Amino acid sequence: MNPTVYLETSVVSYFANRDSSDVIVLAQQQITREWWRDAAKSFDLFVSDLVVSEIGHGDSLAANARLEAVASIPILGLDAESEALAERLLKIAALPPKAQDDALHIAVATVNGMDFLLTWNCTHIANARTREIINSCCRTAGYEPPVICTPPELRGD
């Protein structure tokens, strides 16, 4: 069995969206596409109901491209355990109250035993200042947290 990877919404969006005019975002899109093409084969990929909901919003052509990108990827459901862990992450201030969905991404990946959570969200998820708080909260709740990282950090070899 391959290591498991939870694809957070930003990764799917960077993979499937049209090229950005922002050079930094464009570079991240290209890195994501290379990762998806080359490294993703070394992992079992997963998304959640929340990811599917988020990528389905916005411009209908872009939303359809994002939904098509994950059509064959297994979907993890949102359950009471995940919601409770997300609430706990918010309560201990690992994430601010406005980052409820980000806490839910972390919780779903954690509760489902994912090895990695792949994201470009470095504000609330892949943040070096909050990573230990997130990990401690998950462990205190009885779970081993996934390694939270960006595509260039997760090589397939």
N, C-alpha and C. Protein backbone atom coordinates (compact mmCIF):
# COMPACT_ATOMS: atom_id res chain seq x y z
N MET A 1 0.84 -1.19 0.00
CA MET A 1 0.00 0.00 0.00
C MET A 1 0.88 1.25 0.00
N ASN A 2 0.51 2.21 -0.79
CA ASN A 2 1.23 3.48 -0.87
C ASN A 2 0.88 4.38 0.31
N PRO A 3 1.74 5.33 0.64
CA PRO A 3 1.36 6.33 1.64
C PRO A 3 0.13 7.09 1.16
N THR A 4 -0.68 7.55 2.10
CA THR A 4 -1.92 8.24 1.77
C THR A 4 -1.74 9.75 1.84
N VAL A 5 -2.41 10.45 0.93
CA VAL A 5 -2.33 11.91 0.85
C VAL A 5 -3.73 12.49 0.76
N TYR A 6 -4.04 13.38 1.67
CA TYR A 6 -5.28 14.17 1.62
C TYR A 6 -4.98 15.43 0.82
N LEU A 7 -5.68 15.62 -0.28
CA LEU A 7 -5.50 16.80 -1.12
C LEU A 7 -6.46 17.89 -0.64
N GLU A 8 -5.93 18.93 -0.06
CA GLU A 8 -6.73 20.06 0.37
C GLU A 8 -7.11 20.89 -0.86
N THR A 9 -8.14 21.66 -0.75
CA THR A 9 -8.75 22.40 -1.86
C THR A 9 -7.74 23.20 -2.69
N SER A 10 -6.80 23.86 -2.05
CA SER A 10 -5.86 24.71 -2.78
C SER A 10 -5.04 23.92 -3.80
N VAL A 11 -4.70 22.69 -3.48
CA VAL A 11 -3.92 21.85 -4.39
C VAL A 11 -4.74 21.50 -5.62
N VAL A 12 -5.97 21.12 -5.42
CA VAL A 12 -6.86 20.79 -6.55
C VAL A 12 -7.06 22.04 -7.40
N SER A 13 -7.27 23.17 -6.78
CA SER A 13 -7.49 24.41 -7.52
C SER A 13 -6.25 24.79 -8.33
N TYR A 14 -5.08 24.70 -7.72
CA TYR A 14 -3.86 25.06 -8.45
C TYR A 14 -3.60 24.10 -9.60
N PHE A 15 -4.00 22.85 -9.44
CA PHE A 15 -3.83 21.87 -10.51
C PHE A 15 -4.76 22.17 -11.68
N ALA A 16 -6.02 22.45 -11.40
CA ALA A 16 -7.03 22.48 -12.46
C ALA A 16 -7.40 23.88 -12.97
N ASN A 17 -7.12 24.92 -12.21
CA ASN A 17 -7.52 26.26 -12.64
C ASN A 17 -6.69 26.74 -13.82
N ARG A 18 -7.23 27.74 -14.51
CA ARG A 18 -6.49 28.41 -15.58
C ARG A 18 -5.25 29.06 -15.00
N ASP A 19 -4.25 29.26 -15.84
CA ASP A 19 -3.01 29.90 -15.39
C ASP A 19 -3.29 31.28 -14.81
N SER A 20 -2.68 31.55 -13.68
CA SER A 20 -2.83 32.82 -13.01
C SER A 20 -1.92 33.88 -13.64
N SER A 21 -2.32 35.14 -13.53
CA SER A 21 -1.46 36.23 -13.98
C SER A 21 -0.46 36.63 -12.89
N ASP A 22 -0.66 36.14 -11.67
CA ASP A 22 0.27 36.36 -10.57
C ASP A 22 1.42 35.36 -10.73
N VAL A 23 2.65 35.86 -10.85
CA VAL A 23 3.78 34.97 -11.15
C VAL A 23 4.04 33.95 -10.05
N ILE A 24 3.78 34.31 -8.80
CA ILE A 24 4.00 33.36 -7.70
C ILE A 24 2.97 32.24 -7.76
N VAL A 25 1.72 32.62 -7.94
CA VAL A 25 0.65 31.61 -8.04
C VAL A 25 0.88 30.74 -9.28
N LEU A 26 1.28 31.35 -10.39
CA LEU A 26 1.55 30.59 -11.61
C LEU A 26 2.65 29.56 -11.36
N ALA A 27 3.70 29.96 -10.66
CA ALA A 27 4.78 29.01 -10.34
C ALA A 27 4.26 27.87 -9.47
N GLN A 28 3.41 28.19 -8.49
CA GLN A 28 2.84 27.16 -7.64
C GLN A 28 1.92 26.24 -8.44
N GLN A 29 1.20 26.79 -9.39
CA GLN A 29 0.36 25.97 -10.26
C GLN A 29 1.23 24.99 -11.05
N GLN A 30 2.32 25.47 -11.61
CA GLN A 30 3.20 24.60 -12.39
C GLN A 30 3.83 23.52 -11.52
N ILE A 31 4.24 23.87 -10.32
CA ILE A 31 4.80 22.89 -9.38
C ILE A 31 3.74 21.83 -9.05
N THR A 32 2.51 22.28 -8.81
CA THR A 32 1.42 21.36 -8.48
C THR A 32 1.14 20.41 -9.64
N ARG A 33 1.11 20.94 -10.84
CA ARG A 33 0.86 20.09 -12.01
C ARG A 33 1.97 19.08 -12.20
N GLU A 34 3.22 19.48 -12.00
CA GLU A 34 4.35 18.54 -12.09
C GLU A 34 4.24 17.47 -11.01
N TRP A 35 3.88 17.88 -9.79
CA TRP A 35 3.73 16.92 -8.69
C TRP A 35 2.63 15.92 -9.05
N TRP A 36 1.50 16.42 -9.51
CA TRP A 36 0.36 15.56 -9.84
C TRP A 36 0.75 14.58 -10.94
N ARG A 37 1.49 15.06 -11.94
CA ARG A 37 1.88 14.22 -13.07
C ARG A 37 2.94 13.18 -12.67
N ASP A 38 3.90 13.57 -11.85
CA ASP A 38 5.05 12.71 -11.56
C ASP A 38 4.99 12.02 -10.20
N ALA A 39 4.82 12.77 -9.15
CA ALA A 39 4.92 12.22 -7.80
C ALA A 39 3.64 11.55 -7.31
N ALA A 40 2.51 12.02 -7.78
CA ALA A 40 1.23 11.51 -7.26
C ALA A 40 1.08 10.01 -7.45
N LYS A 41 1.77 9.46 -8.43
CA LYS A 41 1.68 8.01 -8.68
C LYS A 41 2.19 7.18 -7.50
N SER A 42 3.00 7.80 -6.66
CA SER A 42 3.60 7.09 -5.53
C SER A 42 2.71 7.11 -4.29
N PHE A 43 1.52 7.70 -4.39
CA PHE A 43 0.65 7.87 -3.23
C PHE A 43 -0.78 7.45 -3.56
N ASP A 44 -1.53 7.12 -2.52
CA ASP A 44 -2.98 6.93 -2.64
C ASP A 44 -3.62 8.26 -2.24
N LEU A 45 -4.32 8.88 -3.19
CA LEU A 45 -4.88 10.20 -3.00
C LEU A 45 -6.31 10.15 -2.49
N PHE A 46 -6.67 11.13 -1.66
CA PHE A 46 -8.01 11.26 -1.11
C PHE A 46 -8.40 12.73 -1.06
N VAL A 47 -9.69 12.99 -1.18
CA VAL A 47 -10.27 14.30 -0.92
C VAL A 47 -11.42 14.07 0.07
N SER A 48 -12.07 15.15 0.45
CA SER A 48 -13.22 15.02 1.36
C SER A 48 -14.45 15.65 0.73
N ASP A 49 -15.58 15.41 1.38
CA ASP A 49 -16.82 16.08 0.97
C ASP A 49 -16.63 17.60 0.97
N LEU A 50 -15.86 18.10 1.93
CA LEU A 50 -15.60 19.55 2.02
C LEU A 50 -14.83 20.03 0.80
N VAL A 51 -13.80 19.29 0.38
CA VAL A 51 -13.04 19.66 -0.81
C VAL A 51 -13.97 19.70 -2.02
N VAL A 52 -14.77 18.66 -2.19
CA VAL A 52 -15.68 18.59 -3.34
C VAL A 52 -16.64 19.78 -3.32
N SER A 53 -17.14 20.13 -2.16
CA SER A 53 -18.03 21.28 -2.04
C SER A 53 -17.31 22.57 -2.42
N GLU A 54 -16.12 22.77 -1.89
CA GLU A 54 -15.38 24.01 -2.15
C GLU A 54 -14.97 24.15 -3.62
N ILE A 55 -14.52 23.07 -4.24
CA ILE A 55 -14.08 23.18 -5.63
C ILE A 55 -15.26 23.30 -6.60
N GLY A 56 -16.45 23.00 -6.13
CA GLY A 56 -17.63 23.12 -6.97
C GLY A 56 -18.19 24.52 -7.07
N HIS A 57 -17.62 25.46 -6.31
CA HIS A 57 -18.10 26.85 -6.32
C HIS A 57 -17.35 27.67 -7.37
N GLY A 58 -17.91 28.82 -7.71
CA GLY A 58 -17.25 29.76 -8.62
C GLY A 58 -17.64 29.54 -10.06
N ASP A 59 -16.80 30.04 -10.93
CA ASP A 59 -17.01 29.94 -12.38
C ASP A 59 -17.30 28.49 -12.76
N SER A 60 -18.37 28.28 -13.50
CA SER A 60 -18.81 26.91 -13.79
C SER A 60 -17.79 26.12 -14.61
N LEU A 61 -17.12 26.75 -15.57
CA LEU A 61 -16.09 26.02 -16.34
C LEU A 61 -14.93 25.60 -15.44
N ALA A 62 -14.48 26.51 -14.59
CA ALA A 62 -13.38 26.20 -13.67
C ALA A 62 -13.82 25.14 -12.65
N ALA A 63 -15.03 25.28 -12.13
CA ALA A 63 -15.54 24.31 -11.17
C ALA A 63 -15.61 22.92 -11.79
N ASN A 64 -16.09 22.84 -13.03
CA ASN A 64 -16.16 21.55 -13.71
C ASN A 64 -14.78 20.94 -13.91
N ALA A 65 -13.78 21.76 -14.25
CA ALA A 65 -12.41 21.26 -14.42
C ALA A 65 -11.87 20.72 -13.10
N ARG A 66 -12.15 21.43 -12.01
CA ARG A 66 -11.69 20.96 -10.70
C ARG A 66 -12.39 19.66 -10.30
N LEU A 67 -13.70 19.60 -10.51
CA LEU A 67 -14.45 18.39 -10.17
C LEU A 67 -14.00 17.21 -11.02
N GLU A 68 -13.71 17.45 -12.28
CA GLU A 68 -13.22 16.39 -13.15
C GLU A 68 -11.85 15.88 -12.69
N ALA A 69 -11.03 16.77 -12.17
CA ALA A 69 -9.69 16.38 -11.71
C ALA A 69 -9.75 15.39 -10.55
N VAL A 70 -10.79 15.46 -9.74
CA VAL A 70 -10.89 14.57 -8.57
C VAL A 70 -11.93 13.47 -8.75
N ALA A 71 -12.49 13.35 -9.94
CA ALA A 71 -13.60 12.41 -10.16
C ALA A 71 -13.27 10.98 -9.77
N SER A 72 -12.03 10.56 -9.94
CA SER A 72 -11.67 9.17 -9.63
C SER A 72 -10.98 9.02 -8.27
N ILE A 73 -10.93 10.09 -7.50
CA ILE A 73 -10.25 10.07 -6.19
C ILE A 73 -11.28 9.76 -5.11
N PRO A 74 -11.00 8.81 -4.21
CA PRO A 74 -11.95 8.50 -3.14
C PRO A 74 -12.24 9.71 -2.25
N ILE A 75 -13.48 9.78 -1.79
CA ILE A 75 -13.95 10.90 -0.98
C ILE A 75 -14.14 10.45 0.46
N LEU A 76 -13.52 11.18 1.38
CA LEU A 76 -13.69 10.93 2.81
C LEU A 76 -14.87 11.76 3.31
N GLY A 77 -15.76 11.13 4.04
CA GLY A 77 -16.94 11.83 4.55
C GLY A 77 -16.61 12.68 5.76
N LEU A 78 -17.48 13.64 6.01
CA LEU A 78 -17.39 14.45 7.22
C LEU A 78 -18.21 13.75 8.29
N ASP A 79 -17.60 13.50 9.43
CA ASP A 79 -18.31 12.79 10.49
C ASP A 79 -18.17 13.52 11.81
N ALA A 80 -18.84 13.01 12.82
CA ALA A 80 -18.84 13.66 14.14
C ALA A 80 -17.44 13.73 14.74
N GLU A 81 -16.64 12.69 14.53
CA GLU A 81 -15.26 12.71 15.06
C GLU A 81 -14.45 13.85 14.45
N SER A 82 -14.57 14.00 13.14
CA SER A 82 -13.84 15.08 12.46
C SER A 82 -14.32 16.45 12.92
N GLU A 83 -15.63 16.59 13.06
CA GLU A 83 -16.18 17.86 13.52
C GLU A 83 -15.73 18.18 14.94
N ALA A 84 -15.65 17.17 15.79
CA ALA A 84 -15.22 17.38 17.17
C ALA A 84 -13.74 17.79 17.22
N LEU A 85 -12.92 17.14 16.41
CA LEU A 85 -11.50 17.51 16.39
C LEU A 85 -11.31 18.91 15.82
N ALA A 86 -12.06 19.26 14.79
CA ALA A 86 -11.98 20.61 14.22
C ALA A 86 -12.36 21.65 15.28
N GLU A 87 -13.41 21.37 16.02
CA GLU A 87 -13.83 22.27 17.10
C GLU A 87 -12.72 22.42 18.14
N ARG A 88 -12.08 21.32 18.45
CA ARG A 88 -10.99 21.35 19.43
C ARG A 88 -9.82 22.19 18.91
N LEU A 89 -9.49 22.05 17.63
CA LEU A 89 -8.41 22.85 17.04
C LEU A 89 -8.72 24.34 17.12
N LEU A 90 -9.97 24.70 16.91
CA LEU A 90 -10.37 26.10 17.00
C LEU A 90 -10.38 26.58 18.46
N LYS A 91 -10.83 25.71 19.35
CA LYS A 91 -10.94 26.08 20.77
C LYS A 91 -9.59 26.38 21.40
N ILE A 92 -8.56 25.62 21.03
CA ILE A 92 -7.24 25.86 21.63
C ILE A 92 -6.45 26.92 20.86
N ALA A 93 -7.10 27.54 19.87
CA ALA A 93 -6.51 28.62 19.08
C ALA A 93 -5.35 28.17 18.21
N ALA A 94 -5.37 26.90 17.79
CA ALA A 94 -4.40 26.47 16.79
C ALA A 94 -4.69 27.19 15.49
N LEU A 95 -5.97 27.46 15.26
CA LEU A 95 -6.42 28.21 14.10
C LEU A 95 -7.43 29.25 14.56
N PRO A 96 -7.52 30.38 13.86
CA PRO A 96 -8.50 31.40 14.26
C PRO A 96 -9.92 30.97 13.92
N PRO A 97 -10.92 31.57 14.57
CA PRO A 97 -12.32 31.18 14.33
C PRO A 97 -12.74 31.25 12.87
N LYS A 98 -12.17 32.18 12.10
CA LYS A 98 -12.55 32.31 10.69
C LYS A 98 -12.01 31.15 9.84
N ALA A 99 -11.15 30.31 10.40
CA ALA A 99 -10.54 29.21 9.66
C ALA A 99 -11.22 27.87 9.97
N GLN A 100 -12.52 27.91 10.17
CA GLN A 100 -13.26 26.70 10.52
C GLN A 100 -13.09 25.60 9.47
N ASP A 101 -13.18 25.95 8.19
CA ASP A 101 -13.02 24.94 7.15
C ASP A 101 -11.60 24.38 7.12
N ASP A 102 -10.62 25.23 7.39
CA ASP A 102 -9.23 24.75 7.43
C ASP A 102 -9.05 23.75 8.58
N ALA A 103 -9.65 24.05 9.72
CA ALA A 103 -9.60 23.11 10.85
C ALA A 103 -10.27 21.79 10.47
N LEU A 104 -11.33 21.86 9.71
CA LEU A 104 -12.03 20.65 9.29
C LEU A 104 -11.18 19.83 8.31
N HIS A 105 -10.45 20.49 7.42
CA HIS A 105 -9.54 19.75 6.53
C HIS A 105 -8.51 18.97 7.35
N ILE A 106 -7.91 19.64 8.32
CA ILE A 106 -6.91 18.99 9.18
C ILE A 106 -7.54 17.82 9.93
N ALA A 107 -8.73 18.06 10.46
CA ALA A 107 -9.40 17.02 11.25
C ALA A 107 -9.78 15.81 10.41
N VAL A 108 -10.32 16.03 9.22
CA VAL A 108 -10.71 14.91 8.36
C VAL A 108 -9.48 14.07 8.00
N ALA A 109 -8.40 14.75 7.63
CA ALA A 109 -7.17 14.03 7.28
C ALA A 109 -6.65 13.25 8.49
N THR A 110 -6.72 13.85 9.66
CA THR A 110 -6.21 13.21 10.88
C THR A 110 -7.06 12.03 11.28
N VAL A 111 -8.35 12.22 11.40
CA VAL A 111 -9.26 11.16 11.84
C VAL A 111 -9.22 9.96 10.89
N ASN A 112 -8.99 10.21 9.61
CA ASN A 112 -8.94 9.14 8.62
C ASN A 112 -7.54 8.55 8.44
N GLY A 113 -6.61 8.94 9.30
CA GLY A 113 -5.30 8.33 9.32
C GLY A 113 -4.44 8.60 8.09
N MET A 114 -4.63 9.75 7.46
CA MET A 114 -3.81 10.09 6.30
C MET A 114 -2.35 10.28 6.72
N ASP A 115 -1.44 9.86 5.86
CA ASP A 115 -0.02 10.06 6.14
C ASP A 115 0.40 11.51 5.91
N PHE A 116 -0.20 12.14 4.87
CA PHE A 116 0.15 13.51 4.51
C PHE A 116 -1.11 14.32 4.24
N LEU A 117 -1.04 15.61 4.54
CA LEU A 117 -2.05 16.58 4.13
C LEU A 117 -1.31 17.56 3.22
N LEU A 118 -1.69 17.58 1.95
CA LEU A 118 -1.01 18.41 0.96
C LEU A 118 -1.82 19.68 0.74
N THR A 119 -1.16 20.83 0.85
CA THR A 119 -1.85 22.12 0.78
C THR A 119 -0.92 23.22 0.31
N TRP A 120 -1.51 24.27 -0.23
CA TRP A 120 -0.80 25.53 -0.48
C TRP A 120 -1.25 26.58 0.52
N ASN A 121 -2.12 26.23 1.45
CA ASN A 121 -2.62 27.18 2.44
C ASN A 121 -1.58 27.27 3.57
N CYS A 122 -0.68 28.24 3.42
CA CYS A 122 0.38 28.42 4.41
C CYS A 122 0.00 29.43 5.48
N THR A 123 -1.20 29.98 5.38
CA THR A 123 -1.68 30.91 6.41
C THR A 123 -2.17 30.15 7.63
N HIS A 124 -3.02 29.14 7.41
CA HIS A 124 -3.62 28.43 8.54
C HIS A 124 -3.25 26.96 8.64
N ILE A 125 -2.82 26.34 7.55
CA ILE A 125 -2.61 24.89 7.60
C ILE A 125 -1.11 24.54 7.61
N ALA A 126 -0.40 24.86 6.55
CA ALA A 126 1.04 24.56 6.48
C ALA A 126 1.83 25.75 7.04
N ASN A 127 1.65 26.00 8.30
CA ASN A 127 2.24 27.16 8.96
C ASN A 127 3.18 26.67 10.06
N ALA A 128 4.44 27.00 9.93
CA ALA A 128 5.44 26.52 10.89
C ALA A 128 5.15 26.99 12.32
N ARG A 129 4.49 28.12 12.47
CA ARG A 129 4.22 28.65 13.82
C ARG A 129 3.08 27.91 14.51
N THR A 130 2.18 27.30 13.75
CA THR A 130 1.06 26.62 14.38
C THR A 130 1.15 25.09 14.27
N ARG A 131 2.10 24.59 13.50
CA ARG A 131 2.18 23.15 13.25
C ARG A 131 2.29 22.33 14.54
N GLU A 132 3.12 22.75 15.47
CA GLU A 132 3.27 21.97 16.72
C GLU A 132 2.00 22.02 17.57
N ILE A 133 1.30 23.15 17.56
CA ILE A 133 0.03 23.25 18.30
C ILE A 133 -0.98 22.29 17.69
N ILE A 134 -1.06 22.28 16.36
CA ILE A 134 -1.97 21.37 15.66
C ILE A 134 -1.62 19.92 15.99
N ASN A 135 -0.34 19.57 15.87
CA ASN A 135 0.08 18.20 16.14
C ASN A 135 -0.20 17.80 17.59
N SER A 136 0.08 18.68 18.52
CA SER A 136 -0.16 18.39 19.94
C SER A 136 -1.65 18.19 20.20
N CYS A 137 -2.47 19.04 19.63
CA CYS A 137 -3.93 18.92 19.80
C CYS A 137 -4.42 17.58 19.27
N CYS A 138 -3.96 17.20 18.09
CA CYS A 138 -4.39 15.92 17.51
C CYS A 138 -3.95 14.74 18.37
N ARG A 139 -2.72 14.79 18.84
CA ARG A 139 -2.20 13.69 19.67
C ARG A 139 -2.93 13.61 21.01
N THR A 140 -3.21 14.76 21.60
CA THR A 140 -3.95 14.79 22.86
C THR A 140 -5.34 14.18 22.68
N ALA A 141 -5.91 14.36 21.50
CA ALA A 141 -7.24 13.80 21.20
C ALA A 141 -7.16 12.32 20.82
N GLY A 142 -5.95 11.76 20.77
CA GLY A 142 -5.80 10.33 20.49
C GLY A 142 -5.51 9.98 19.04
N TYR A 143 -5.11 10.96 18.25
CA TYR A 143 -4.83 10.73 16.83
C TYR A 143 -3.38 11.08 16.50
N GLU A 144 -2.85 10.41 15.51
CA GLU A 144 -1.54 10.79 14.96
C GLU A 144 -1.82 11.71 13.78
N PRO A 145 -1.33 12.96 13.82
CA PRO A 145 -1.63 13.89 12.74
C PRO A 145 -0.83 13.54 11.48
N PRO A 146 -1.36 13.93 10.32
CA PRO A 146 -0.60 13.74 9.09
C PRO A 146 0.55 14.75 9.03
N VAL A 147 1.51 14.48 8.20
CA VAL A 147 2.55 15.46 7.91
C VAL A 147 1.91 16.49 7.00
N ILE A 148 1.92 17.73 7.43
CA ILE A 148 1.33 18.82 6.64
C ILE A 148 2.44 19.43 5.80
N CYS A 149 2.22 19.48 4.48
CA CYS A 149 3.27 19.97 3.59
C CYS A 149 2.71 20.53 2.29
N THR A 150 3.58 21.17 1.54
CA THR A 150 3.24 21.69 0.21
C THR A 150 3.78 20.72 -0.83
N PRO A 151 3.30 20.81 -2.08
CA PRO A 151 3.77 19.88 -3.11
C PRO A 151 5.28 19.77 -3.28
N PRO A 152 6.06 20.87 -3.26
CA PRO A 152 7.49 20.66 -3.43
C PRO A 152 8.17 19.92 -2.28
N GLU A 153 7.50 19.89 -1.13
CA GLU A 153 8.05 19.16 0.02
C GLU A 153 7.77 17.67 -0.03
N LEU A 154 6.79 17.27 -0.83
CA LEU A 154 6.38 15.86 -0.87
C LEU A 154 6.80 15.23 -2.18
N ARG A 155 7.93 14.62 -2.15
CA ARG A 155 8.47 13.96 -3.35
C ARG A 155 7.92 12.54 -3.42
N GLY A 156 7.86 12.03 -4.62
CA GLY A 156 7.33 10.70 -4.82
C GLY A 156 8.36 9.59 -4.75
N ASP A 157 9.63 9.94 -4.67
CA ASP A 157 10.67 8.90 -4.68
C ASP A 157 11.29 8.64 -3.35
